[in-house]
Amino acid sequence: MIQENLWPKVSTDRFALDYDTLYHTMLGIIADQLALNPASLRDTTNLLEDLDADSLDMFQILISIEDEFNITVPESDFEHVHTIGDAVRDVERLLS
């Protein structure tokens, strides 16, 4: 079930986004998509193994990230994402 995003939308000004804001926004996206408490998530949390995210969950997380940050994430870039930290670093790279 897709829940309404409970986190405020971040500024689309790519240069004003600091790592802490990016990280917590990403936690919110992942938590909302998987119906989890963001406080239970860590940088090292494995999306597939720890959270049992399936391919549809991963696709919906990807779409939510693209919508939130007004970016396009190539699926090939997202294929190597295993942990929340991996996802945050990829988005950070795309925003820079």
PDB file of N, CA and C in Angstrom:
ATOM      1  N   MET A   1       0.836  -1.178   0.000  1.00  0.00           N
ATOM      2  CA  MET A   1       0.000   0.000   0.000  1.00  0.00           C
ATOM      3  C   MET A   1       0.886   1.247   0.000  1.00  0.00           C
ATOM      4  N   ILE A   2       0.598   2.163  -0.883  1.00  0.00           N
ATOM      5  CA  ILE A   2       1.356   3.405  -0.950  1.00  0.00           C
ATOM      6  C   ILE A   2       0.731   4.395   0.019  1.00  0.00           C
ATOM      7  N   GLN A   3       1.564   4.903   0.919  1.00  0.00           N
ATOM      8  CA  GLN A   3       1.099   5.877   1.890  1.00  0.00           C
ATOM      9  C   GLN A   3       1.443   7.271   1.400  1.00  0.00           C
ATOM     10  N   GLU A   4       0.653   8.224   1.844  1.00  0.00           N
ATOM     11  CA  GLU A   4       0.966   9.609   1.511  1.00  0.00           C
ATOM     12  C   GLU A   4       2.263   9.981   2.202  1.00  0.00           C
ATOM     13  N   ASN A   5       3.149  10.642   1.483  1.00  0.00           N
ATOM     14  CA  ASN A   5       4.434  11.031   2.040  1.00  0.00           C
ATOM     15  C   ASN A   5       4.211  11.992   3.204  1.00  0.00           C
ATOM     16  N   LEU A   6       4.707  11.606   4.371  1.00  0.00           N
ATOM     17  CA  LEU A   6       4.531  12.419   5.570  1.00  0.00           C
ATOM     18  C   LEU A   6       5.644  13.443   5.752  1.00  0.00           C
ATOM     19  N   TRP A   7       6.645  13.389   4.884  1.00  0.00           N
ATOM     20  CA  TRP A   7       7.788  14.280   4.995  1.00  0.00           C
ATOM     21  C   TRP A   7       7.583  15.476   4.086  1.00  0.00           C
ATOM     22  N   PRO A   8       7.996  16.657   4.533  1.00  0.00           N
ATOM     23  CA  PRO A   8       7.850  17.824   3.658  1.00  0.00           C
ATOM     24  C   PRO A   8       8.744  17.700   2.437  1.00  0.00           C
ATOM     25  N   LYS A   9       8.270  18.191   1.321  1.00  0.00           N
ATOM     26  CA  LYS A   9       9.043  18.150   0.076  1.00  0.00           C
ATOM     27  C   LYS A   9      10.240  19.082   0.233  1.00  0.00           C
ATOM     28  N   VAL A  10      11.404  18.606  -0.171  1.00  0.00           N
ATOM     29  CA  VAL A  10      12.609  19.421  -0.056  1.00  0.00           C
ATOM     30  C   VAL A  10      12.690  20.395  -1.207  1.00  0.00           C
ATOM     31  N   SER A  11      13.493  21.400  -1.016  1.00  0.00           N
ATOM     32  CA  SER A  11      13.711  22.389  -2.056  1.00  0.00           C
ATOM     33  C   SER A  11      14.314  21.722  -3.275  1.00  0.00           C
ATOM     34  N   THR A  12      13.894  22.140  -4.454  1.00  0.00           N
ATOM     35  CA  THR A  12      14.481  21.593  -5.674  1.00  0.00           C
ATOM     36  C   THR A  12      15.767  22.318  -6.042  1.00  0.00           C
ATOM     37  N   ASP A  13      16.166  23.288  -5.243  1.00  0.00           N
ATOM     38  CA  ASP A  13      17.444  23.960  -5.455  1.00  0.00           C
ATOM     39  C   ASP A  13      18.549  22.994  -5.038  1.00  0.00           C
ATOM     40  N   ARG A  14      19.181  22.367  -6.011  1.00  0.00           N
ATOM     41  CA  ARG A  14      20.141  21.303  -5.743  1.00  0.00           C
ATOM     42  C   ARG A  14      21.327  21.768  -4.905  1.00  0.00           C
ATOM     43  N   PHE A  15      21.668  23.023  -4.953  1.00  0.00           N
ATOM     44  CA  PHE A  15      22.835  23.506  -4.239  1.00  0.00           C
ATOM     45  C   PHE A  15      22.537  23.813  -2.778  1.00  0.00           C
ATOM     46  N   ALA A  16      21.268  23.911  -2.403  1.00  0.00           N
ATOM     47  CA  ALA A  16      20.905  24.242  -1.034  1.00  0.00           C
ATOM     48  C   ALA A  16      20.682  22.995  -0.180  1.00  0.00           C
ATOM     49  N   LEU A  17      20.783  21.814  -0.769  1.00  0.00           N
ATOM     50  CA  LEU A  17      20.474  20.576  -0.062  1.00  0.00           C
ATOM     51  C   LEU A  17      21.723  20.022   0.607  1.00  0.00           C
ATOM     52  N   ASP A  18      21.722  19.975   1.956  1.00  0.00           N
ATOM     53  CA  ASP A  18      22.872  19.416   2.656  1.00  0.00           C
ATOM     54  C   ASP A  18      22.666  17.913   2.876  1.00  0.00           C
ATOM     55  N   TYR A  19      23.730  17.234   3.250  1.00  0.00           N
ATOM     56  CA  TYR A  19      23.688  15.775   3.389  1.00  0.00           C
ATOM     57  C   TYR A  19      22.664  15.338   4.426  1.00  0.00           C
ATOM     58  N   ASP A  20      22.583  16.033   5.558  1.00  0.00           N
ATOM     59  CA  ASP A  20      21.660  15.650   6.617  1.00  0.00           C
ATOM     60  C   ASP A  20      20.208  15.711   6.134  1.00  0.00           C
ATOM     61  N   THR A  21      19.870  16.760   5.405  1.00  0.00           N
ATOM     62  CA  THR A  21      18.518  16.893   4.856  1.00  0.00           C
ATOM     63  C   THR A  21      18.254  15.790   3.838  1.00  0.00           C
ATOM     64  N   LEU A  22      19.225  15.553   2.979  1.00  0.00           N
ATOM     65  CA  LEU A  22      19.093  14.490   1.986  1.00  0.00           C
ATOM     66  C   LEU A  22      18.890  13.143   2.670  1.00  0.00           C
ATOM     67  N   TYR A  23      19.723  12.834   3.641  1.00  0.00           N
ATOM     68  CA  TYR A  23      19.666  11.550   4.347  1.00  0.00           C
ATOM     69  C   TYR A  23      18.309  11.337   5.006  1.00  0.00           C
ATOM     70  N   HIS A  24      17.846  12.327   5.747  1.00  0.00           N
ATOM     71  CA  HIS A  24      16.568  12.179   6.454  1.00  0.00           C
ATOM     72  C   HIS A  24      15.370  12.155   5.508  1.00  0.00           C
ATOM     73  N   THR A  25      15.463  12.869   4.417  1.00  0.00           N
ATOM     74  CA  THR A  25      14.396  12.812   3.418  1.00  0.00           C
ATOM     75  C   THR A  25      14.350  11.426   2.780  1.00  0.00           C
ATOM     76  N   MET A  26      15.519  10.884   2.484  1.00  0.00           N
ATOM     77  CA  MET A  26      15.592   9.538   1.916  1.00  0.00           C
ATOM     78  C   MET A  26      15.062   8.494   2.905  1.00  0.00           C
ATOM     79  N   LEU A  27      15.391   8.632   4.183  1.00  0.00           N
ATOM     80  CA  LEU A  27      14.841   7.724   5.191  1.00  0.00           C
ATOM     81  C   LEU A  27      13.318   7.796   5.189  1.00  0.00           C
ATOM     82  N   GLY A  28      12.792   9.010   5.081  1.00  0.00           N
ATOM     83  CA  GLY A  28      11.343   9.186   5.054  1.00  0.00           C
ATOM     84  C   GLY A  28      10.702   8.517   3.851  1.00  0.00           C
ATOM     85  N   ILE A  29      11.321   8.657   2.694  1.00  0.00           N
ATOM     86  CA  ILE A  29      10.799   8.032   1.471  1.00  0.00           C
ATOM     87  C   ILE A  29      10.770   6.513   1.625  1.00  0.00           C
ATOM     88  N   ILE A  30      11.871   5.956   2.082  1.00  0.00           N
ATOM     89  CA  ILE A  30      11.971   4.500   2.229  1.00  0.00           C
ATOM     90  C   ILE A  30      11.000   4.005   3.294  1.00  0.00           C
ATOM     91  N   ALA A  31      10.943   4.704   4.418  1.00  0.00           N
ATOM     92  CA  ALA A  31      10.031   4.309   5.489  1.00  0.00           C
ATOM     93  C   ALA A  31       8.575   4.392   5.042  1.00  0.00           C
ATOM     94  N   ASP A  32       8.222   5.449   4.347  1.00  0.00           N
ATOM     95  CA  ASP A  32       6.849   5.588   3.851  1.00  0.00           C
ATOM     96  C   ASP A  32       6.501   4.458   2.889  1.00  0.00           C
ATOM     97  N   GLN A  33       7.404   4.167   1.974  1.00  0.00           N
ATOM     98  CA  GLN A  33       7.146   3.145   0.962  1.00  0.00           C
ATOM     99  C   GLN A  33       6.985   1.758   1.583  1.00  0.00           C
ATOM    100  N   LEU A  34       7.785   1.474   2.605  1.00  0.00           N
ATOM    101  CA  LEU A  34       7.779   0.138   3.204  1.00  0.00           C
ATOM    102  C   LEU A  34       6.994   0.077   4.504  1.00  0.00           C
ATOM    103  N   ALA A  35       6.292   1.165   4.827  1.00  0.00           N
ATOM    104  CA  ALA A  35       5.465   1.245   6.045  1.00  0.00           C
ATOM    105  C   ALA A  35       6.281   0.912   7.300  1.00  0.00           C
ATOM    106  N   LEU A  36       7.404   1.616   7.442  1.00  0.00           N
ATOM    107  CA  LEU A  36       8.301   1.413   8.576  1.00  0.00           C
ATOM    108  C   LEU A  36       8.491   2.703   9.346  1.00  0.00           C
ATOM    109  N   ASN A  37       9.001   2.577  10.559  1.00  0.00           N
ATOM    110  CA  ASN A  37       9.377   3.732  11.356  1.00  0.00           C
ATOM    111  C   ASN A  37      10.776   4.150  10.908  1.00  0.00           C
ATOM    112  N   PRO A  38      10.958   5.405  10.460  1.00  0.00           N
ATOM    113  CA  PRO A  38      12.285   5.820   9.993  1.00  0.00           C
ATOM    114  C   PRO A  38      13.355   5.716  11.068  1.00  0.00           C
ATOM    115  N   ALA A  39      12.974   5.777  12.330  1.00  0.00           N
ATOM    116  CA  ALA A  39      13.955   5.667  13.410  1.00  0.00           C
ATOM    117  C   ALA A  39      14.594   4.280  13.452  1.00  0.00           C
ATOM    118  N   SER A  40      13.947   3.296  12.837  1.00  0.00           N
ATOM    119  CA  SER A  40      14.492   1.935  12.832  1.00  0.00           C
ATOM    120  C   SER A  40      15.487   1.698  11.697  1.00  0.00           C
ATOM    121  N   LEU A  41      15.653   2.676  10.834  1.00  0.00           N
ATOM    122  CA  LEU A  41      16.522   2.531   9.666  1.00  0.00           C
ATOM    123  C   LEU A  41      17.899   3.115   9.929  1.00  0.00           C
ATOM    124  N   ARG A  42      18.902   2.471   9.358  1.00  0.00           N
ATOM    125  CA  ARG A  42      20.284   2.908   9.493  1.00  0.00           C
ATOM    126  C   ARG A  42      20.939   2.969   8.114  1.00  0.00           C
ATOM    127  N   ASP A  43      22.065   3.619   8.043  1.00  0.00           N
ATOM    128  CA  ASP A  43      22.861   3.724   6.820  1.00  0.00           C
ATOM    129  C   ASP A  43      23.188   2.345   6.256  1.00  0.00           C
ATOM    130  N   THR A  44      23.414   1.384   7.132  1.00  0.00           N
ATOM    131  CA  THR A  44      23.825   0.040   6.734  1.00  0.00           C
ATOM    132  C   THR A  44      22.654  -0.923   6.530  1.00  0.00           C
ATOM    133  N   THR A  45      21.431  -0.448   6.718  1.00  0.00           N
ATOM    134  CA  THR A  45      20.262  -1.309   6.526  1.00  0.00           C
ATOM    135  C   THR A  45      20.178  -1.754   5.073  1.00  0.00           C
ATOM    136  N   ASN A  46      20.132  -3.063   4.853  1.00  0.00           N
ATOM    137  CA  ASN A  46      20.041  -3.617   3.512  1.00  0.00           C
ATOM    138  C   ASN A  46      18.566  -3.656   3.106  1.00  0.00           C
ATOM    139  N   LEU A  47      18.268  -2.992   1.992  1.00  0.00           N
ATOM    140  CA  LEU A  47      16.878  -2.878   1.553  1.00  0.00           C
ATOM    141  C   LEU A  47      16.255  -4.233   1.238  1.00  0.00           C
ATOM    142  N   LEU A  48      17.003  -5.089   0.585  1.00  0.00           N
ATOM    143  CA  LEU A  48      16.460  -6.381   0.173  1.00  0.00           C
ATOM    144  C   LEU A  48      16.492  -7.408   1.302  1.00  0.00           C
ATOM    145  N   GLU A  49      17.613  -7.519   1.979  1.00  0.00           N
ATOM    146  CA  GLU A  49      17.769  -8.555   2.994  1.00  0.00           C
ATOM    147  C   GLU A  49      17.147  -8.183   4.338  1.00  0.00           C
ATOM    148  N   ASP A  50      17.383  -6.961   4.799  1.00  0.00           N
ATOM    149  CA  ASP A  50      16.878  -6.558   6.116  1.00  0.00           C
ATOM    150  C   ASP A  50      15.409  -6.130   6.082  1.00  0.00           C
ATOM    151  N   LEU A  51      15.008  -5.500   4.980  1.00  0.00           N
ATOM    152  CA  LEU A  51      13.657  -4.935   4.912  1.00  0.00           C
ATOM    153  C   LEU A  51      12.715  -5.726   4.007  1.00  0.00           C
ATOM    154  N   ASP A  52      13.238  -6.766   3.385  1.00  0.00           N
ATOM    155  CA  ASP A  52      12.440  -7.615   2.489  1.00  0.00           C
ATOM    156  C   ASP A  52      11.771  -6.827   1.366  1.00  0.00           C
ATOM    157  N   ALA A  53      12.443  -5.795   0.887  1.00  0.00           N
ATOM    158  CA  ALA A  53      11.902  -5.040  -0.250  1.00  0.00           C
ATOM    159  C   ALA A  53      11.996  -5.905  -1.501  1.00  0.00           C
ATOM    160  N   ASP A  54      10.929  -5.916  -2.278  1.00  0.00           N
ATOM    161  CA  ASP A  54      10.967  -6.664  -3.536  1.00  0.00           C
ATOM    162  C   ASP A  54      11.209  -5.688  -4.687  1.00  0.00           C
ATOM    163  N   SER A  55      11.212  -6.201  -5.907  1.00  0.00           N
ATOM    164  CA  SER A  55      11.528  -5.355  -7.062  1.00  0.00           C
ATOM    165  C   SER A  55      10.502  -4.237  -7.239  1.00  0.00           C
ATOM    166  N   LEU A  56       9.247  -4.492  -6.935  1.00  0.00           N
ATOM    167  CA  LEU A  56       8.227  -3.442  -7.027  1.00  0.00           C
ATOM    168  C   LEU A  56       8.474  -2.356  -5.982  1.00  0.00           C
ATOM    169  N   ASP A  57       8.815  -2.757  -4.755  1.00  0.00           N
ATOM    170  CA  ASP A  57       9.160  -1.782  -3.710  1.00  0.00           C
ATOM    171  C   ASP A  57      10.328  -0.917  -4.162  1.00  0.00           C
ATOM    172  N   MET A  58      11.361  -1.548  -4.711  1.00  0.00           N
ATOM    173  CA  MET A  58      12.540  -0.805  -5.151  1.00  0.00           C
ATOM    174  C   MET A  58      12.189   0.173  -6.264  1.00  0.00           C
ATOM    175  N   PHE A  59      11.350  -0.265  -7.199  1.00  0.00           N
ATOM    176  CA  PHE A  59      10.922   0.612  -8.284  1.00  0.00           C
ATOM    177  C   PHE A  59      10.128   1.799  -7.734  1.00  0.00           C
ATOM    178  N   GLN A  60       9.241   1.553  -6.793  1.00  0.00           N
ATOM    179  CA  GLN A  60       8.438   2.639  -6.221  1.00  0.00           C
ATOM    180  C   GLN A  60       9.298   3.596  -5.397  1.00  0.00           C
ATOM    181  N   ILE A  61      10.295   3.078  -4.711  1.00  0.00           N
ATOM    182  CA  ILE A  61      11.241   3.941  -4.001  1.00  0.00           C
ATOM    183  C   ILE A  61      11.990   4.807  -4.999  1.00  0.00           C
ATOM    184  N   LEU A  62      12.434   4.215  -6.085  1.00  0.00           N
ATOM    185  CA  LEU A  62      13.146   4.949  -7.135  1.00  0.00           C
ATOM    186  C   LEU A  62      12.282   6.078  -7.699  1.00  0.00           C
ATOM    187  N   ILE A  63      11.037   5.791  -8.012  1.00  0.00           N
ATOM    188  CA  ILE A  63      10.120   6.806  -8.549  1.00  0.00           C
ATOM    189  C   ILE A  63       9.890   7.917  -7.528  1.00  0.00           C
ATOM    190  N   SER A  64       9.723   7.551  -6.270  1.00  0.00           N
ATOM    191  CA  SER A  64       9.527   8.557  -5.215  1.00  0.00           C
ATOM    192  C   SER A  64      10.747   9.456  -5.068  1.00  0.00           C
ATOM    193  N   ILE A  65      11.942   8.872  -5.170  1.00  0.00           N
ATOM    194  CA  ILE A  65      13.179   9.657  -5.096  1.00  0.00           C
ATOM    195  C   ILE A  65      13.248  10.631  -6.268  1.00  0.00           C
ATOM    196  N   GLU A  66      12.948  10.139  -7.460  1.00  0.00           N
ATOM    197  CA  GLU A  66      12.976  11.009  -8.638  1.00  0.00           C
ATOM    198  C   GLU A  66      11.985  12.159  -8.497  1.00  0.00           C
ATOM    199  N   ASP A  67      10.792  11.872  -8.012  1.00  0.00           N
ATOM    200  CA  ASP A  67       9.783  12.919  -7.825  1.00  0.00           C
ATOM    201  C   ASP A  67      10.198  13.916  -6.754  1.00  0.00           C
ATOM    202  N   GLU A  68      10.725  13.408  -5.659  1.00  0.00           N
ATOM    203  CA  GLU A  68      11.105  14.259  -4.528  1.00  0.00           C
ATOM    204  C   GLU A  68      12.219  15.236  -4.885  1.00  0.00           C
ATOM    205  N   PHE A  69      13.224  14.742  -5.601  1.00  0.00           N
ATOM    206  CA  PHE A  69      14.412  15.552  -5.868  1.00  0.00           C
ATOM    207  C   PHE A  69      14.465  16.096  -7.293  1.00  0.00           C
ATOM    208  N   ASN A  70      13.431  15.829  -8.064  1.00  0.00           N
ATOM    209  CA  ASN A  70      13.348  16.328  -9.443  1.00  0.00           C
ATOM    210  C   ASN A  70      14.586  15.914 -10.251  1.00  0.00           C
ATOM    211  N   ILE A  71      14.886  14.616 -10.171  1.00  0.00           N
ATOM    212  CA  ILE A  71      16.025  14.050 -10.885  1.00  0.00           C
ATOM    213  C   ILE A  71      15.576  12.795 -11.632  1.00  0.00           C
ATOM    214  N   THR A  72      16.424  12.324 -12.514  1.00  0.00           N
ATOM    215  CA  THR A  72      16.225  11.042 -13.163  1.00  0.00           C
ATOM    216  C   THR A  72      17.367  10.137 -12.733  1.00  0.00           C
ATOM    217  N   VAL A  73      17.011   9.019 -12.135  1.00  0.00           N
ATOM    218  CA  VAL A  73      18.016   8.056 -11.694  1.00  0.00           C
ATOM    219  C   VAL A  73      18.028   6.914 -12.708  1.00  0.00           C
ATOM    220  N   PRO A  74      19.121   6.754 -13.442  1.00  0.00           N
ATOM    221  CA  PRO A  74      19.194   5.629 -14.376  1.00  0.00           C
ATOM    222  C   PRO A  74      19.043   4.309 -13.611  1.00  0.00           C
ATOM    223  N   GLU A  75      18.202   3.430 -14.121  1.00  0.00           N
ATOM    224  CA  GLU A  75      17.985   2.152 -13.441  1.00  0.00           C
ATOM    225  C   GLU A  75      19.300   1.399 -13.257  1.00  0.00           C
ATOM    226  N   SER A  76      20.216   1.553 -14.196  1.00  0.00           N
ATOM    227  CA  SER A  76      21.510   0.869 -14.073  1.00  0.00           C
ATOM    228  C   SER A  76      22.290   1.375 -12.855  1.00  0.00           C
ATOM    229  N   ASP A  77      22.110   2.649 -12.484  1.00  0.00           N
ATOM    230  CA  ASP A  77      22.761   3.190 -11.293  1.00  0.00           C
ATOM    231  C   ASP A  77      22.149   2.602 -10.028  1.00  0.00           C
ATOM    232  N   PHE A  78      20.856   2.352 -10.077  1.00  0.00           N
ATOM    233  CA  PHE A  78      20.147   1.894  -8.881  1.00  0.00           C
ATOM    234  C   PHE A  78      20.272   0.387  -8.676  1.00  0.00           C
ATOM    235  N   GLU A  79      20.746  -0.335  -9.700  1.00  0.00           N
ATOM    236  CA  GLU A  79      20.854  -1.786  -9.595  1.00  0.00           C
ATOM    237  C   GLU A  79      21.859  -2.227  -8.545  1.00  0.00           C
ATOM    238  N   HIS A  80      22.900  -1.428  -8.314  1.00  0.00           N
ATOM    239  CA  HIS A  80      23.920  -1.813  -7.342  1.00  0.00           C
ATOM    240  C   HIS A  80      23.616  -1.334  -5.925  1.00  0.00           C
ATOM    241  N   VAL A  81      22.478  -0.687  -5.736  1.00  0.00           N
ATOM    242  CA  VAL A  81      22.094  -0.187  -4.418  1.00  0.00           C
ATOM    243  C   VAL A  81      21.643  -1.359  -3.550  1.00  0.00           C
ATOM    244  N   HIS A  82      22.314  -1.528  -2.430  1.00  0.00           N
ATOM    245  CA  HIS A  82      21.945  -2.583  -1.490  1.00  0.00           C
ATOM    246  C   HIS A  82      21.490  -1.986  -0.161  1.00  0.00           C
ATOM    247  N   THR A  83      22.188  -0.950   0.282  1.00  0.00           N
ATOM    248  CA  THR A  83      21.882  -0.362   1.590  1.00  0.00           C
ATOM    249  C   THR A  83      21.289   1.033   1.416  1.00  0.00           C
ATOM    250  N   ILE A  84      20.742   1.536   2.498  1.00  0.00           N
ATOM    251  CA  ILE A  84      20.224   2.898   2.487  1.00  0.00           C
ATOM    252  C   ILE A  84      21.365   3.870   2.196  1.00  0.00           C
ATOM    253  N   GLY A  85      22.531   3.609   2.755  1.00  0.00           N
ATOM    254  CA  GLY A  85      23.696   4.458   2.493  1.00  0.00           C
ATOM    255  C   GLY A  85      24.057   4.495   1.020  1.00  0.00           C
ATOM    256  N   ASP A  86      23.962   3.342   0.347  1.00  0.00           N
ATOM    257  CA  ASP A  86      24.225   3.292  -1.094  1.00  0.00           C
ATOM    258  C   ASP A  86      23.260   4.223  -1.833  1.00  0.00           C
ATOM    259  N   ALA A  87      21.998   4.148  -1.471  1.00  0.00           N
ATOM    260  CA  ALA A  87      20.979   4.970  -2.141  1.00  0.00           C
ATOM    261  C   ALA A  87      21.229   6.455  -1.917  1.00  0.00           C
ATOM    262  N   VAL A  88      21.554   6.815  -0.685  1.00  0.00           N
ATOM    263  CA  VAL A  88      21.804   8.223  -0.367  1.00  0.00           C
ATOM    264  C   VAL A  88      23.018   8.732  -1.144  1.00  0.00           C
ATOM    265  N   ARG A  89      24.088   7.951  -1.186  1.00  0.00           N
ATOM    266  CA  ARG A  89      25.296   8.371  -1.916  1.00  0.00           C
ATOM    267  C   ARG A  89      25.020   8.519  -3.407  1.00  0.00           C
ATOM    268  N   ASP A  90      24.212   7.633  -3.976  1.00  0.00           N
ATOM    269  CA  ASP A  90      23.877   7.755  -5.408  1.00  0.00           C
ATOM    270  C   ASP A  90      23.088   9.022  -5.686  1.00  0.00           C
ATOM    271  N   VAL A  91      22.113   9.305  -4.852  1.00  0.00           N
ATOM    272  CA  VAL A  91      21.307  10.520  -5.054  1.00  0.00           C
ATOM    273  C   VAL A  91      22.167  11.760  -4.832  1.00  0.00           C
ATOM    274  N   GLU A  92      23.017  11.720  -3.817  1.00  0.00           N
ATOM    275  CA  GLU A  92      23.924  12.850  -3.562  1.00  0.00           C
ATOM    276  C   GLU A  92      24.797  13.120  -4.779  1.00  0.00           C
ATOM    277  N   ARG A  93      25.317  12.056  -5.386  1.00  0.00           N
ATOM    278  CA  ARG A  93      26.151  12.195  -6.587  1.00  0.00           C
ATOM    279  C   ARG A  93      25.344  12.812  -7.740  1.00  0.00           C
ATOM    280  N   LEU A  94      24.103  12.373  -7.909  1.00  0.00           N
ATOM    281  CA  LEU A  94      23.271  12.900  -8.981  1.00  0.00           C
ATOM    282  C   LEU A  94      22.882  14.355  -8.768  1.00  0.00           C
ATOM    283  N   LEU A  95      22.816  14.771  -7.517  1.00  0.00           N
ATOM    284  CA  LEU A  95      22.448  16.151  -7.190  1.00  0.00           C
ATOM    285  C   LEU A  95      23.630  17.110  -7.288  1.00  0.00           C
ATOM    286  N   SER A  96      24.839  16.560  -7.296  1.00  0.00           N
ATOM    287  CA  SER A  96      26.018  17.458  -7.285  1.00  0.00           C
ATOM    288  C   SER A  96      26.362  17.928  -8.688  1.00  0.00           C
TER     289      SER A  96
END
